[in-house]
N, C-alpha and C. Protein backbone atom coordinates (compact mmCIF):
# COMPACT_ATOMS: atom_id res chain seq x y z
N UNK A 1 -14.64 -1.14 -16.00
CA UNK A 1 -14.36 -1.65 -14.80
C UNK A 1 -12.95 -1.15 -14.30
N UNK A 2 -13.74 -0.70 -12.62
CA UNK A 2 -12.69 -0.02 -12.06
C UNK A 2 -12.66 -0.67 -10.80
N UNK A 3 -10.70 -0.62 -10.30
CA UNK A 3 -10.73 -1.40 -8.39
C UNK A 3 -10.96 -0.73 -7.97
N UNK A 4 -11.84 -1.10 -6.47
CA UNK A 4 -11.71 0.12 -6.12
C UNK A 4 -10.97 -0.24 -4.49
N UNK A 5 -10.15 -0.59 -3.92
CA UNK A 5 -9.25 0.26 -2.17
C UNK A 5 -9.45 0.97 -1.30
N UNK A 6 -10.38 -0.06 -0.83
CA UNK A 6 -11.36 1.33 1.15
C UNK A 6 -10.76 0.59 1.98
N UNK A 7 -9.70 1.80 2.76
CA UNK A 7 -9.53 0.86 4.30
C UNK A 7 -10.65 1.22 4.73
N UNK A 8 -10.56 0.55 5.82
CA UNK A 8 -12.14 -0.17 7.01
C UNK A 8 -11.24 0.57 8.53
N UNK A 9 -12.09 0.99 9.09
CA UNK A 9 -11.66 0.66 10.69
C UNK A 9 -12.45 -0.11 11.38
N UNK A 10 -13.25 0.94 12.69
CA UNK A 10 -14.15 0.24 13.51
C UNK A 10 -15.60 1.12 13.69
N UNK A 11 -15.63 2.32 13.21
CA UNK A 11 -16.57 3.55 13.66
C UNK A 11 -18.24 2.91 13.21
N UNK A 12 -18.39 1.40 12.42
CA UNK A 12 -19.18 1.42 12.17
C UNK A 12 -19.73 0.04 13.42
N UNK A 13 -19.00 -0.99 13.97
CA UNK A 13 -19.56 -1.38 15.20
C UNK A 13 -19.17 -0.91 16.42
N UNK A 14 -18.61 0.01 16.10
CA UNK A 14 -18.98 1.15 17.36
C UNK A 14 -20.50 1.96 17.35
N UNK A 15 -21.20 2.26 16.01
CA UNK A 15 -22.21 3.02 16.55
C UNK A 15 -23.39 2.16 16.48
N UNK A 16 -23.12 0.81 15.91
CA UNK A 16 -24.50 -0.59 15.87
C UNK A 16 -24.35 -0.37 17.93
N UNK A 17 -22.86 -0.77 18.27
CA UNK A 17 -22.89 -1.11 20.00
C UNK A 17 -23.62 -0.15 20.94
N UNK A 18 -23.85 1.23 19.90
CA UNK A 18 -24.35 2.25 20.55
C UNK A 18 -25.94 2.45 20.55
N UNK A 19 -25.84 1.65 20.32
CA UNK A 19 -27.33 1.65 20.15
C UNK A 19 -28.31 0.76 21.61
N UNK A 20 -27.37 -0.26 21.92
CA UNK A 20 -27.58 -0.48 22.87
C UNK A 20 -27.55 0.21 23.94
N UNK A 21 -28.84 0.48 24.67
CA UNK A 21 -28.85 1.11 26.31
C UNK A 21 -27.73 0.81 27.70
N UNK A 22 -27.18 -0.39 28.20
CA UNK A 22 -26.02 -0.40 28.80
C UNK A 22 -25.11 -0.40 27.78
N UNK A 23 -24.14 -0.55 28.37
CA UNK A 23 -23.09 0.02 28.09
C UNK A 23 -21.97 -2.40 27.60
N UNK A 24 -23.48 -2.86 28.05
CA UNK A 24 -22.65 -4.69 28.28
C UNK A 24 -22.25 -5.13 26.69
N UNK A 25 -22.54 -4.54 25.58
CA UNK A 25 -22.18 -4.93 24.22
C UNK A 25 -20.81 -4.79 24.12
N UNK A 26 -20.84 -3.28 24.75
CA UNK A 26 -19.81 -2.73 24.14
C UNK A 26 -18.73 -3.62 24.95
N UNK A 27 -18.54 -4.01 26.35
CA UNK A 27 -17.68 -5.01 27.31
C UNK A 27 -17.33 -5.78 26.23
N UNK A 28 -18.51 -6.69 25.63
CA UNK A 28 -18.07 -7.99 25.51
C UNK A 28 -17.56 -8.01 23.79
N UNK A 29 -17.39 -6.60 23.39
CA UNK A 29 -17.27 -6.70 22.19
C UNK A 29 -15.43 -6.67 22.97
N UNK A 30 -14.72 -5.28 23.20
CA UNK A 30 -14.03 -5.21 24.21
C UNK A 30 -13.19 -6.71 24.33
N UNK A 31 -13.72 -7.57 25.32
CA UNK A 31 -13.61 -8.35 26.14
C UNK A 31 -13.01 -9.54 24.72
N UNK A 32 -13.43 -9.93 23.47
CA UNK A 32 -13.29 -10.29 22.84
C UNK A 32 -12.38 -10.04 21.94
N UNK A 33 -12.45 -9.21 21.56
CA UNK A 33 -11.08 -8.65 20.83
C UNK A 33 -10.06 -8.58 21.54
N UNK A 34 -9.57 -8.71 22.58
CA UNK A 34 -8.77 -9.02 23.66
C UNK A 34 -8.36 -10.23 24.09
N UNK A 35 -9.45 -11.32 24.09
CA UNK A 35 -9.27 -12.79 24.02
C UNK A 35 -8.64 -13.18 22.95
N UNK A 36 -9.43 -13.11 21.80
CA UNK A 36 -9.26 -13.71 20.10
C UNK A 36 -8.42 -13.12 19.73
N UNK A 37 -7.64 -13.57 18.57
CA UNK A 37 -7.15 -13.16 17.21
C UNK A 37 -8.86 -13.79 16.03
N UNK A 38 -8.20 -12.89 15.15
CA UNK A 38 -8.90 -12.57 13.92
C UNK A 38 -9.07 -14.40 13.79
N UNK A 39 -8.18 -15.39 13.75
CA UNK A 39 -7.89 -16.29 13.66
C UNK A 39 -8.98 -17.34 14.44
N UNK A 40 -9.79 -16.56 14.89
CA UNK A 40 -11.07 -16.84 16.17
C UNK A 40 -12.59 -17.08 16.01
N UNK A 41 -12.04 -16.14 14.50
CA UNK A 41 -13.61 -16.13 14.14
C UNK A 41 -14.77 -17.19 14.54
N UNK A 42 -15.11 -17.91 13.99
CA UNK A 42 -15.63 -19.05 14.20
C UNK A 42 -15.87 -19.48 15.45
N UNK A 43 -14.79 -19.13 16.57
CA UNK A 43 -15.52 -19.33 17.94
C UNK A 43 -16.95 -19.38 18.62
N UNK A 44 -17.46 -20.03 19.28
CA UNK A 44 -18.89 -20.08 19.89
C UNK A 44 -19.71 -18.58 20.14
N UNK A 45 -18.57 -17.96 21.40
CA UNK A 45 -18.45 -16.68 21.87
C UNK A 45 -18.72 -15.57 20.86
N UNK A 46 -17.36 -15.55 19.98
CA UNK A 46 -17.55 -14.49 18.83
C UNK A 46 -19.00 -14.86 17.90
N UNK A 47 -19.80 -15.90 17.48
CA UNK A 47 -20.87 -16.47 16.74
C UNK A 47 -21.59 -15.63 17.26
N UNK A 48 -21.75 -15.71 18.82
CA UNK A 48 -23.19 -15.44 19.70
C UNK A 48 -23.81 -14.16 19.28
N UNK A 49 -22.03 -13.47 19.38
CA UNK A 49 -21.86 -12.02 19.32
C UNK A 49 -22.96 -11.87 18.41
N UNK A 50 -22.01 -12.33 17.55
CA UNK A 50 -22.67 -11.44 16.15
C UNK A 50 -23.92 -11.60 15.86
N UNK A 51 -24.32 -13.43 16.40
CA UNK A 51 -26.14 -13.11 16.18
C UNK A 51 -27.15 -11.67 16.93
N UNK A 52 -26.36 -11.77 18.19
CA UNK A 52 -26.10 -10.72 19.06
C UNK A 52 -26.99 -9.24 18.40
N UNK A 53 -25.39 -8.43 17.51
CA UNK A 53 -25.93 -7.25 17.32
C UNK A 53 -26.06 -7.55 15.42
N UNK A 54 -26.11 -8.39 15.09
CA UNK A 54 -26.86 -8.48 13.54
C UNK A 54 -28.90 -8.29 13.88
N UNK A 55 -29.11 -8.37 15.30
CA UNK A 55 -30.97 -8.90 15.75
C UNK A 55 -31.01 -6.87 15.91
N UNK A 56 -29.81 -6.14 15.26
CA UNK A 56 -29.82 -4.44 16.24
C UNK A 56 -29.42 -3.43 14.92
N UNK A 57 -30.34 -3.52 14.15
CA UNK A 57 -30.50 -2.60 12.84
C UNK A 57 -30.71 -1.66 12.63
N UNK A 58 -30.24 -0.72 12.85
CA UNK A 58 -31.22 0.88 12.78
C UNK A 58 -30.82 1.58 12.67
N UNK A 59 -29.89 1.86 11.72
CA UNK A 59 -29.05 3.02 11.72
C UNK A 59 -29.33 3.44 10.59
N UNK A 60 -29.65 5.42 10.03
CA UNK A 60 -29.73 5.49 8.92
C UNK A 60 -28.28 5.23 7.39
N UNK A 61 -28.41 5.42 6.48
CA UNK A 61 -27.27 5.31 5.36
C UNK A 61 -26.76 6.42 5.79
N UNK A 62 -26.82 7.81 6.58
CA UNK A 62 -25.70 8.83 7.11
C UNK A 62 -25.30 8.70 7.64
N UNK A 63 -25.68 7.49 8.79
CA UNK A 63 -25.33 8.32 9.94
C UNK A 63 -24.26 6.87 10.10
N UNK A 64 -24.01 5.98 9.06
CA UNK A 64 -23.46 4.69 9.12
C UNK A 64 -21.87 5.01 9.22
N UNK A 65 -21.18 4.80 9.04
CA UNK A 65 -19.40 4.83 9.02
C UNK A 65 -18.77 6.55 7.77
N UNK A 66 -17.84 6.38 7.78
CA UNK A 66 -17.46 6.95 6.36
C UNK A 66 -16.98 6.22 5.64
N UNK A 67 -16.53 4.86 5.76
CA UNK A 67 -16.55 3.42 4.62
C UNK A 67 -17.49 4.38 3.46
N UNK A 68 -18.87 4.42 4.44
CA UNK A 68 -20.36 4.21 4.01
C UNK A 68 -20.75 5.70 2.78
N UNK A 69 -20.16 6.75 3.99
CA UNK A 69 -20.68 7.38 3.61
C UNK A 69 -19.75 8.28 2.42
N UNK A 70 -18.54 7.78 2.35
CA UNK A 70 -17.64 8.28 1.27
C UNK A 70 -17.98 7.95 -0.01
N UNK A 71 -18.01 5.91 -0.22
CA UNK A 71 -18.58 5.71 -1.09
C UNK A 71 -20.09 5.78 -2.12
N UNK A 72 -21.13 6.75 -0.81
CA UNK A 72 -22.25 6.90 -1.11
C UNK A 72 -21.88 7.74 -1.90
N UNK A 73 -21.47 9.03 -1.78
CA UNK A 73 -20.68 10.20 -2.56
C UNK A 73 -20.04 9.71 -3.80
N UNK A 74 -19.17 8.59 -3.46
CA UNK A 74 -18.61 8.63 -5.30
C UNK A 74 -19.45 8.03 -5.29
N UNK A 75 -20.79 7.40 -5.24
CA UNK A 75 -21.86 6.80 -6.61
C UNK A 75 -22.53 8.14 -6.83
N UNK A 76 -23.04 8.85 -6.05
CA UNK A 76 -23.74 10.25 -5.82
C UNK A 76 -22.80 11.54 -7.41
N UNK A 77 -21.39 11.02 -7.15
CA UNK A 77 -20.99 11.71 -8.36
C UNK A 77 -20.44 10.84 -9.62
N UNK A 78 -21.51 9.59 -9.52
CA UNK A 78 -20.70 8.53 -10.85
C UNK A 78 -19.59 8.72 -10.94
N UNK A 79 -18.58 8.32 -9.59
CA UNK A 79 -17.02 7.83 -9.51
C UNK A 79 -17.21 6.18 -10.22
N UNK A 80 -17.20 5.61 -10.06
CA UNK A 80 -18.03 4.43 -9.29
C UNK A 80 -19.41 3.46 -9.94
N UNK A 81 -19.30 2.18 -10.66
CA UNK A 81 -20.25 1.80 -10.55
C UNK A 81 -20.99 0.33 -9.51
N UNK A 82 -21.18 0.49 -8.86
CA UNK A 82 -21.72 -0.52 -7.77
C UNK A 82 -22.03 -1.74 -8.29
N UNK A 83 -22.40 -2.43 -9.91
CA UNK A 83 -22.75 -3.22 -10.61
C UNK A 83 -21.23 -3.65 -11.09
N UNK A 84 -20.78 -2.80 -11.95
CA UNK A 84 -19.56 -2.73 -12.27
C UNK A 84 -18.18 -3.18 -11.91
N UNK A 85 -18.01 -2.26 -11.00
CA UNK A 85 -16.94 -2.29 -10.77
C UNK A 85 -16.47 -3.42 -8.86
N UNK A 86 -15.30 -3.54 -9.06
CA UNK A 86 -14.38 -4.48 -8.38
C UNK A 86 -14.17 -3.68 -7.02
N UNK A 87 -14.80 -4.13 -5.31
CA UNK A 87 -14.80 -3.07 -4.12
C UNK A 87 -13.76 -4.42 -3.12
N UNK A 88 -12.49 -3.87 -2.80
CA UNK A 88 -12.43 -4.91 -2.71
C UNK A 88 -12.09 -3.89 -1.13
N UNK A 89 -12.58 -4.63 0.18
CA UNK A 89 -11.90 -3.44 1.67
C UNK A 89 -10.34 -4.17 1.94
N UNK A 90 -10.23 -3.38 2.61
CA UNK A 90 -9.21 -3.72 3.48
C UNK A 90 -8.71 -3.16 4.99
N UNK A 91 -8.89 -4.32 5.68
CA UNK A 91 -8.86 -4.28 6.86
C UNK A 91 -7.47 -5.13 7.85
N UNK A 92 -7.83 -3.93 8.91
CA UNK A 92 -5.85 -4.68 10.21
C UNK A 92 -6.86 -6.62 9.65
N UNK A 93 -5.76 -6.38 10.69
CA UNK A 93 -5.38 -8.30 10.92
C UNK A 93 -5.66 -8.61 12.20
N UNK A 94 -6.69 -7.70 13.04
CA UNK A 94 -7.46 -8.00 14.30
C UNK A 94 -8.84 -8.33 13.96
N UNK A 95 -9.66 -8.63 15.56
CA UNK A 95 -10.88 -9.23 15.61
C UNK A 95 -11.52 -7.93 15.13
N UNK A 96 -11.54 -7.25 16.31
CA UNK A 96 -12.61 -5.99 16.09
C UNK A 96 -12.75 -5.53 14.57
N UNK A 97 -11.23 -5.62 13.40
CA UNK A 97 -11.21 -4.74 12.77
C UNK A 97 -12.28 -5.62 11.33
N UNK A 98 -11.86 -7.24 11.79
CA UNK A 98 -12.34 -7.78 11.12
C UNK A 98 -14.12 -8.19 11.31
N UNK A 99 -14.38 -8.02 12.22
CA UNK A 99 -16.07 -7.73 13.29
C UNK A 99 -16.48 -7.00 12.33
N UNK A 100 -15.86 -5.62 12.17
CA UNK A 100 -17.02 -3.77 11.61
C UNK A 100 -16.76 -4.22 10.08
N UNK A 101 -15.68 -5.01 8.97
CA UNK A 101 -15.40 -4.89 8.14
C UNK A 101 -16.54 -6.01 7.16
N UNK A 102 -17.19 -7.62 8.12
CA UNK A 102 -18.18 -7.87 8.00
C UNK A 102 -19.16 -7.21 7.88
N UNK A 103 -19.78 -6.78 8.77
CA UNK A 103 -21.05 -5.71 8.92
C UNK A 103 -20.26 -4.71 8.03
N UNK A 104 -19.86 -3.93 7.56
CA UNK A 104 -19.17 -3.30 6.57
C UNK A 104 -20.02 -3.40 5.19
N UNK A 105 -20.15 -4.89 4.20
CA UNK A 105 -19.87 -5.90 4.05
C UNK A 105 -20.98 -5.82 3.65
N UNK A 106 -21.87 -5.44 4.68
CA UNK A 106 -23.19 -6.13 4.66
C UNK A 106 -24.44 -4.55 4.16
N UNK A 107 -23.55 -3.42 4.14
CA UNK A 107 -23.81 -2.49 4.22
C UNK A 107 -23.84 -2.72 2.77
N UNK A 108 -22.62 -2.27 2.34
CA UNK A 108 -22.46 -2.35 0.59
C UNK A 108 -23.19 -2.99 0.28
N UNK A 109 -24.02 -4.35 0.09
CA UNK A 109 -24.08 -4.62 -0.60
C UNK A 109 -26.06 -4.75 -0.30
N UNK A 110 -26.36 -4.77 0.97
CA UNK A 110 -27.59 -4.57 0.63
C UNK A 110 -27.79 -3.01 0.97
N UNK A 111 -27.10 -1.77 0.85
CA UNK A 111 -28.13 -1.14 0.98
C UNK A 111 -27.62 0.16 -0.31
N UNK A 112 -25.72 -0.02 -1.15
CA UNK A 112 -25.49 0.69 -1.78
C UNK A 112 -25.26 -0.52 -2.92
N UNK A 113 -25.91 -1.65 -2.77
CA UNK A 113 -25.88 -2.60 -4.10
C UNK A 113 -25.00 -3.00 -4.68
N UNK A 114 -23.44 -2.89 -4.33
CA UNK A 114 -21.94 -3.46 -4.73
C UNK A 114 -22.02 -4.88 -5.04
N UNK A 115 -21.98 -5.23 -5.59
CA UNK A 115 -21.84 -6.95 -6.11
C UNK A 115 -20.76 -7.09 -5.75
N UNK A 116 -19.02 -7.09 -6.47
CA UNK A 116 -18.12 -7.23 -6.29
C UNK A 116 -17.45 -7.13 -5.05
N UNK A 117 -17.72 -7.41 -3.93
CA UNK A 117 -17.45 -6.68 -2.74
C UNK A 117 -16.99 -8.36 -2.04
N UNK A 118 -15.23 -7.96 -1.94
CA UNK A 118 -14.30 -9.01 -0.50
C UNK A 118 -13.37 -8.13 -0.25
N UNK A 119 -12.91 -9.31 1.28
CA UNK A 119 -12.42 -8.54 2.38
C UNK A 119 -10.98 -8.84 1.70
N UNK A 120 -10.02 -7.89 1.90
CA UNK A 120 -7.95 -8.61 2.21
C UNK A 120 -7.90 -8.14 3.36
N UNK A 121 -7.75 -8.76 4.27
CA UNK A 121 -6.07 -8.73 5.04
C UNK A 121 -5.11 -7.80 5.73
N UNK A 122 -4.61 -6.65 5.81
CA UNK A 122 -4.02 -5.63 6.35
C UNK A 122 -2.83 -6.19 7.59
N UNK A 123 -1.97 -7.02 6.66
CA UNK A 123 -0.76 -7.85 8.10
C UNK A 123 0.03 -6.52 8.46
N UNK A 124 0.34 -6.67 9.40
CA UNK A 124 1.59 -5.44 10.70
C UNK A 124 0.87 -4.75 10.83
N UNK A 125 -0.39 -3.83 9.94
CA UNK A 125 -0.41 -2.61 9.78
C UNK A 125 -0.64 -1.53 11.36
N UNK A 126 -1.28 -2.67 11.93
CA UNK A 126 -1.75 -2.09 13.06
C UNK A 126 -1.07 -2.00 14.00
N UNK A 127 0.44 -1.08 14.37
CA UNK A 127 1.12 -1.89 15.63
C UNK A 127 1.72 -0.37 15.66
N UNK A 128 2.40 -0.54 16.60
CA UNK A 128 3.44 0.43 17.53
C UNK A 128 4.54 0.23 17.08
N UNK A 129 5.04 -0.19 16.11
CA UNK A 129 6.43 -0.52 15.64
C UNK A 129 7.02 -0.37 14.13
N UNK A 130 7.85 0.83 14.31
CA UNK A 130 8.33 0.98 13.34
C UNK A 130 9.23 0.04 11.91
N UNK A 131 8.68 -0.80 12.24
CA UNK A 131 9.89 -1.86 11.94
C UNK A 131 8.76 -3.07 10.95
N UNK A 132 7.74 -3.77 12.39
CA UNK A 132 6.26 -4.22 11.86
C UNK A 132 5.76 -3.53 10.80
N UNK A 133 5.54 -2.25 11.03
CA UNK A 133 5.09 -1.57 9.99
C UNK A 133 5.43 -1.68 8.18
N UNK A 134 6.81 -1.84 8.53
CA UNK A 134 7.40 -1.62 6.90
C UNK A 134 6.86 -3.10 6.70
N UNK A 135 7.05 -3.64 7.71
CA UNK A 135 5.95 -5.10 6.79
C UNK A 135 5.16 -5.06 6.21
N UNK A 136 4.13 -4.41 7.29
CA UNK A 136 3.12 -4.11 6.49
C UNK A 136 3.03 -3.22 5.28
N UNK A 137 3.57 -2.20 4.79
CA UNK A 137 3.21 -1.72 4.02
C UNK A 137 3.78 -2.51 2.46
N UNK A 138 4.62 -3.39 3.10
CA UNK A 138 5.27 -4.54 2.14
C UNK A 138 4.42 -5.35 1.55
N UNK A 139 3.02 -6.06 2.52
CA UNK A 139 1.85 -6.71 2.65
C UNK A 139 0.66 -6.02 1.72
N UNK A 140 1.10 -4.53 2.17
CA UNK A 140 -0.47 -3.89 1.08
C UNK A 140 0.31 -3.82 -0.49
N UNK A 141 1.60 -3.33 -0.32
CA UNK A 141 1.82 -3.55 -2.09
C UNK A 141 0.98 -4.98 -2.73
N UNK A 142 1.77 -6.26 -1.87
CA UNK A 142 1.39 -6.69 -2.40
C UNK A 142 0.14 -7.67 -2.50
N UNK A 143 -1.15 -6.45 -1.67
CA UNK A 143 -2.21 -7.51 -2.44
C UNK A 143 -2.52 -6.11 -3.34
N UNK A 144 -2.07 -5.43 -3.22
CA UNK A 144 -2.64 -4.18 -4.62
C UNK A 144 -1.70 -4.54 -6.05
N UNK A 145 -0.69 -5.50 -5.92
CA UNK A 145 -0.56 -5.79 -7.17
C UNK A 145 -1.14 -7.84 -7.40
N UNK A 146 -1.65 -8.04 -6.65
CA UNK A 146 -2.03 -9.19 -6.53
C UNK A 146 -4.16 -9.17 -7.24
N UNK A 147 -4.98 -8.32 -6.58
CA UNK A 147 -4.92 -7.91 -6.71
C UNK A 147 -5.76 -7.90 -8.55
N UNK A 148 -4.57 -6.57 -8.51
CA UNK A 148 -4.69 -5.85 -10.51
C UNK A 148 -4.05 -6.45 -11.17
N UNK A 149 -2.67 -7.56 -11.27
CA UNK A 149 -2.55 -8.25 -11.71
C UNK A 149 -3.35 -9.25 -13.09
N UNK A 150 -3.28 -8.90 -14.05
CA UNK A 150 -3.60 -9.65 -14.81
C UNK A 150 -5.53 -9.94 -15.18
N UNK A 151 -5.71 -8.51 -15.08
CA UNK A 151 -6.80 -8.12 -14.73
C UNK A 151 -6.82 -6.86 -15.43
N UNK A 152 -7.94 -7.04 -16.15
CA UNK A 152 -7.84 -5.94 -17.15
C UNK A 152 -9.16 -4.67 -16.65
N UNK A 153 -8.80 -4.17 -15.76
CA UNK A 153 -9.20 -2.91 -15.09
C UNK A 153 -8.70 -1.57 -15.52
N UNK A 154 -9.67 -0.97 -15.88
CA UNK A 154 -9.26 0.64 -16.80
C UNK A 154 -8.90 1.47 -15.46
N UNK A 155 -9.02 1.22 -14.16
CA UNK A 155 -8.26 2.81 -13.50
C UNK A 155 -8.35 2.01 -12.02
N UNK A 156 -7.57 2.18 -10.77
CA UNK A 156 -7.78 2.10 -9.68
C UNK A 156 -8.03 3.42 -8.69
N UNK A 157 -9.08 2.42 -7.84
CA UNK A 157 -9.58 3.99 -6.97
C UNK A 157 -8.87 3.60 -5.15
N UNK A 158 -8.63 4.90 -4.64
CA UNK A 158 -8.04 4.26 -3.68
C UNK A 158 -9.17 4.96 -2.39
N UNK A 159 -9.72 5.01 -1.41
CA UNK A 159 -10.71 4.99 -1.44
C UNK A 159 -9.68 5.20 0.25
N UNK A 160 -8.87 6.42 0.93
CA UNK A 160 -9.07 6.58 2.52
C UNK A 160 -9.60 7.16 2.75
N UNK A 161 -11.12 7.54 3.02
CA UNK A 161 -11.80 7.79 4.17
C UNK A 161 -10.99 7.38 5.01
N UNK A 162 -11.41 5.53 5.47
CA UNK A 162 -11.39 5.47 6.83
C UNK A 162 -10.46 4.77 7.60
N UNK A 163 -10.58 4.26 8.27
CA UNK A 163 -8.92 3.58 8.81
C UNK A 163 -8.23 4.69 9.72
N UNK A 164 -6.97 4.58 10.07
CA UNK A 164 -6.49 5.51 10.28
C UNK A 164 -5.40 6.42 9.55
N UNK A 165 -4.75 7.36 10.41
CA UNK A 165 -3.86 8.22 9.58
C UNK A 165 -2.76 7.84 8.72
N UNK A 166 -2.10 6.29 9.79
CA UNK A 166 -1.30 5.79 8.88
C UNK A 166 -1.49 4.62 8.02
N UNK A 167 -2.35 4.27 7.80
CA UNK A 167 -3.02 3.49 6.32
C UNK A 167 -3.33 4.39 5.49
N UNK A 168 -3.89 5.59 6.37
CA UNK A 168 -3.90 6.00 4.90
C UNK A 168 -2.59 6.96 4.01
N UNK A 169 -1.70 6.80 4.92
CA UNK A 169 -0.15 7.93 4.14
C UNK A 169 0.82 6.29 3.90
N UNK A 170 0.05 4.48 4.01
CA UNK A 170 0.62 4.32 3.92
C UNK A 170 0.38 3.75 2.15
N UNK A 171 -1.16 3.53 2.53
CA UNK A 171 -1.83 3.78 1.07
C UNK A 171 -1.61 4.99 -0.47
N UNK A 172 -1.11 5.77 0.12
CA UNK A 172 -0.71 6.93 -0.67
C UNK A 172 0.55 6.64 -1.76
N UNK A 173 0.90 6.62 -0.21
CA UNK A 173 2.86 6.06 -0.55
C UNK A 173 2.85 4.82 -1.86
N UNK A 174 2.20 3.82 -1.57
CA UNK A 174 1.57 2.52 -1.99
C UNK A 174 1.49 2.72 -3.51
N UNK A 175 0.21 3.82 -3.75
CA UNK A 175 -0.40 4.14 -4.56
C UNK A 175 0.73 4.82 -5.12
N UNK A 176 1.69 5.36 -5.31
CA UNK A 176 2.20 6.36 -6.05
C UNK A 176 3.70 5.24 -6.42
N UNK A 177 3.75 4.98 -5.98
CA UNK A 177 5.54 3.97 -6.40
C UNK A 177 4.83 3.10 -6.97
N UNK A 178 3.42 2.28 -6.86
CA UNK A 178 2.98 1.18 -7.77
C UNK A 178 2.14 0.65 -7.52
N UNK A 179 1.43 1.03 -8.65
CA UNK A 179 0.37 1.46 -9.43
C UNK A 179 0.25 1.19 -10.70
N UNK A 180 0.11 -0.46 -11.49
CA UNK A 180 0.07 -0.28 -12.77
C UNK A 180 -0.32 0.62 -13.88
N UNK A 181 -1.12 1.44 -13.20
CA UNK A 181 -2.12 1.99 -14.32
C UNK A 181 -2.66 2.98 -13.51
N UNK A 182 -3.20 4.26 -14.84
CA UNK A 182 -3.77 5.77 -14.06
C UNK A 182 -4.55 5.40 -12.82
N UNK A 183 -4.74 5.55 -11.52
CA UNK A 183 -5.25 6.11 -10.47
C UNK A 183 -5.68 7.42 -9.72
N UNK A 184 -6.88 6.56 -9.06
CA UNK A 184 -7.39 7.89 -8.12
C UNK A 184 -7.17 7.78 -6.48
N UNK A 185 -6.81 8.55 -5.48
CA UNK A 185 -6.79 8.60 -4.92
C UNK A 185 -7.96 9.65 -4.33
N UNK A 186 -8.47 8.66 -3.02
CA UNK A 186 -10.47 9.55 -2.56
C UNK A 186 -10.05 10.00 -1.20
N UNK A 187 -10.62 10.89 -1.32
CA UNK A 187 -10.58 11.00 0.05
C UNK A 187 -12.04 12.14 0.97
N UNK A 188 -13.39 11.65 1.71
CA UNK A 188 -14.24 12.90 1.50
C UNK A 188 -13.79 13.35 3.66
N UNK A 189 -13.01 14.00 3.15
CA UNK A 189 -13.36 15.38 4.55
C UNK A 189 -14.85 15.59 4.97
N UNK A 190 -15.10 15.58 6.34
CA UNK A 190 -16.15 16.30 6.96
C UNK A 190 -16.76 16.95 7.06
N UNK A 191 -15.85 18.41 6.57
CA UNK A 191 -15.96 19.46 6.15
C UNK A 191 -16.26 20.25 4.81
N UNK A 192 -16.16 19.70 4.14
CA UNK A 192 -16.10 19.35 2.68
C UNK A 192 -17.16 18.08 2.12
N UNK A 193 -18.76 18.85 1.12
CA UNK A 193 -18.96 18.11 0.71
C UNK A 193 -19.40 17.07 -0.60
N UNK A 194 -18.29 17.69 -1.13
CA UNK A 194 -17.75 16.68 -2.33
C UNK A 194 -16.58 15.54 -1.91
N UNK A 195 -16.27 14.38 -3.15
CA UNK A 195 -15.30 14.13 -2.76
C UNK A 195 -14.02 14.38 -2.89
N UNK A 196 -12.65 14.37 -1.97
CA UNK A 196 -11.97 15.19 -2.82
C UNK A 196 -10.65 14.55 -3.49
N UNK A 197 -10.05 14.57 -4.32
CA UNK A 197 -9.58 13.39 -5.25
C UNK A 197 -8.53 14.07 -6.57
N UNK A 198 -7.43 13.36 -6.29
CA UNK A 198 -6.18 13.34 -7.85
C UNK A 198 -6.63 12.38 -8.10
N UNK A 199 -5.73 12.36 -10.09
CA UNK A 199 -5.53 11.12 -10.59
C UNK A 199 -4.06 11.42 -11.22
N UNK A 200 -4.12 9.89 -10.89
CA UNK A 200 -2.22 10.26 -12.06
C UNK A 200 -2.57 9.29 -13.07
N UNK A 201 -1.97 9.75 -14.57
CA UNK A 201 -2.45 9.04 -15.72
C UNK A 201 -1.16 7.58 -15.31
N UNK A 202 -1.66 6.89 -16.56
CA UNK A 202 0.07 5.73 -16.46
C UNK A 202 0.47 6.08 -16.83
N UNK A 203 1.42 6.27 -16.59
CA UNK A 203 2.98 6.18 -17.11
C UNK A 203 3.75 7.79 -16.37
N UNK A 204 3.13 8.42 -15.29
CA UNK A 204 3.59 9.32 -14.68
C UNK A 204 4.02 8.70 -13.18
N UNK A 205 3.59 7.69 -12.73
CA UNK A 205 3.53 7.00 -11.32
C UNK A 205 4.68 7.90 -11.08
N UNK A 206 5.84 7.56 -11.92
CA UNK A 206 7.54 7.40 -11.60
C UNK A 206 8.15 9.06 -11.80
N UNK A 207 7.65 10.05 -10.93
CA UNK A 207 6.88 11.05 -11.59
C UNK A 207 8.33 11.32 -10.38
N UNK A 208 9.09 12.77 -10.08
CA UNK A 208 9.72 12.85 -8.71
C UNK A 208 8.77 13.27 -7.96
N UNK A 209 8.79 13.39 -6.21
CA UNK A 209 8.09 13.45 -5.08
C UNK A 209 7.51 15.81 -5.78
N UNK A 210 9.05 16.22 -5.66
CA UNK A 210 8.45 17.32 -5.76
C UNK A 210 7.13 18.06 -7.40
N UNK A 211 7.11 17.18 -8.34
CA UNK A 211 6.57 17.32 -9.57
C UNK A 211 4.75 16.93 -9.07
N UNK A 212 4.58 15.78 -7.97
CA UNK A 212 3.77 14.79 -8.10
C UNK A 212 3.35 16.21 -7.49
N UNK A 213 3.81 16.65 -5.93
CA UNK A 213 2.99 18.03 -4.80
C UNK A 213 2.71 18.81 -6.16
N UNK A 214 3.31 19.08 -7.29
CA UNK A 214 2.58 20.20 -8.17
C UNK A 214 1.61 20.05 -8.73
N UNK A 215 0.47 18.76 -8.46
CA UNK A 215 -0.11 18.39 -9.43
C UNK A 215 -1.66 17.73 -8.21
N UNK A 216 -1.39 18.27 -6.61
CA UNK A 216 -2.25 18.46 -5.53
C UNK A 216 -3.01 19.38 -6.34
């Protein structure tokens, strides 16, 4: 049984909104994102928006998002088992990130048939302030520790295809220095047909950076 941490962005919600002929739904989404926080999700305006976008789902699996494409490719390469493995979707503490991840969760359950899918908030990650981002790194480390502690996982997989570059770097650093067991970092690059991955076995996570880079 594996544990998969997948970073998420907002590309999926952007593609859903792009299906509307005019720009009114995108404008409404931007307005809600500016007006409300993630804690306001149950607000009537937001719920009405969610009902509307849930009517408009005519996207092929290959066109969904970086997150779905990478996980689908991992399934094709038998790197994960959707019936047995745990999948954690890591999203920012913003309303737009949360809404997009909700839609992503539906795709992963209904199209890719993952059973054990849960969402986790990466606090302080979406910021332009270095000190705040440092808090985000600690929060990210705590999420990984909390979800892997006292569980009988054989391996941890970090899928860093989604989200933005700062989060991908944060995940990589956290994986190197904080993973308690064997871990694999996976990435689906747009010009490469297969998953790019490298694995570090249990007991090797204390390697010096120089030795670590030799394994790439």
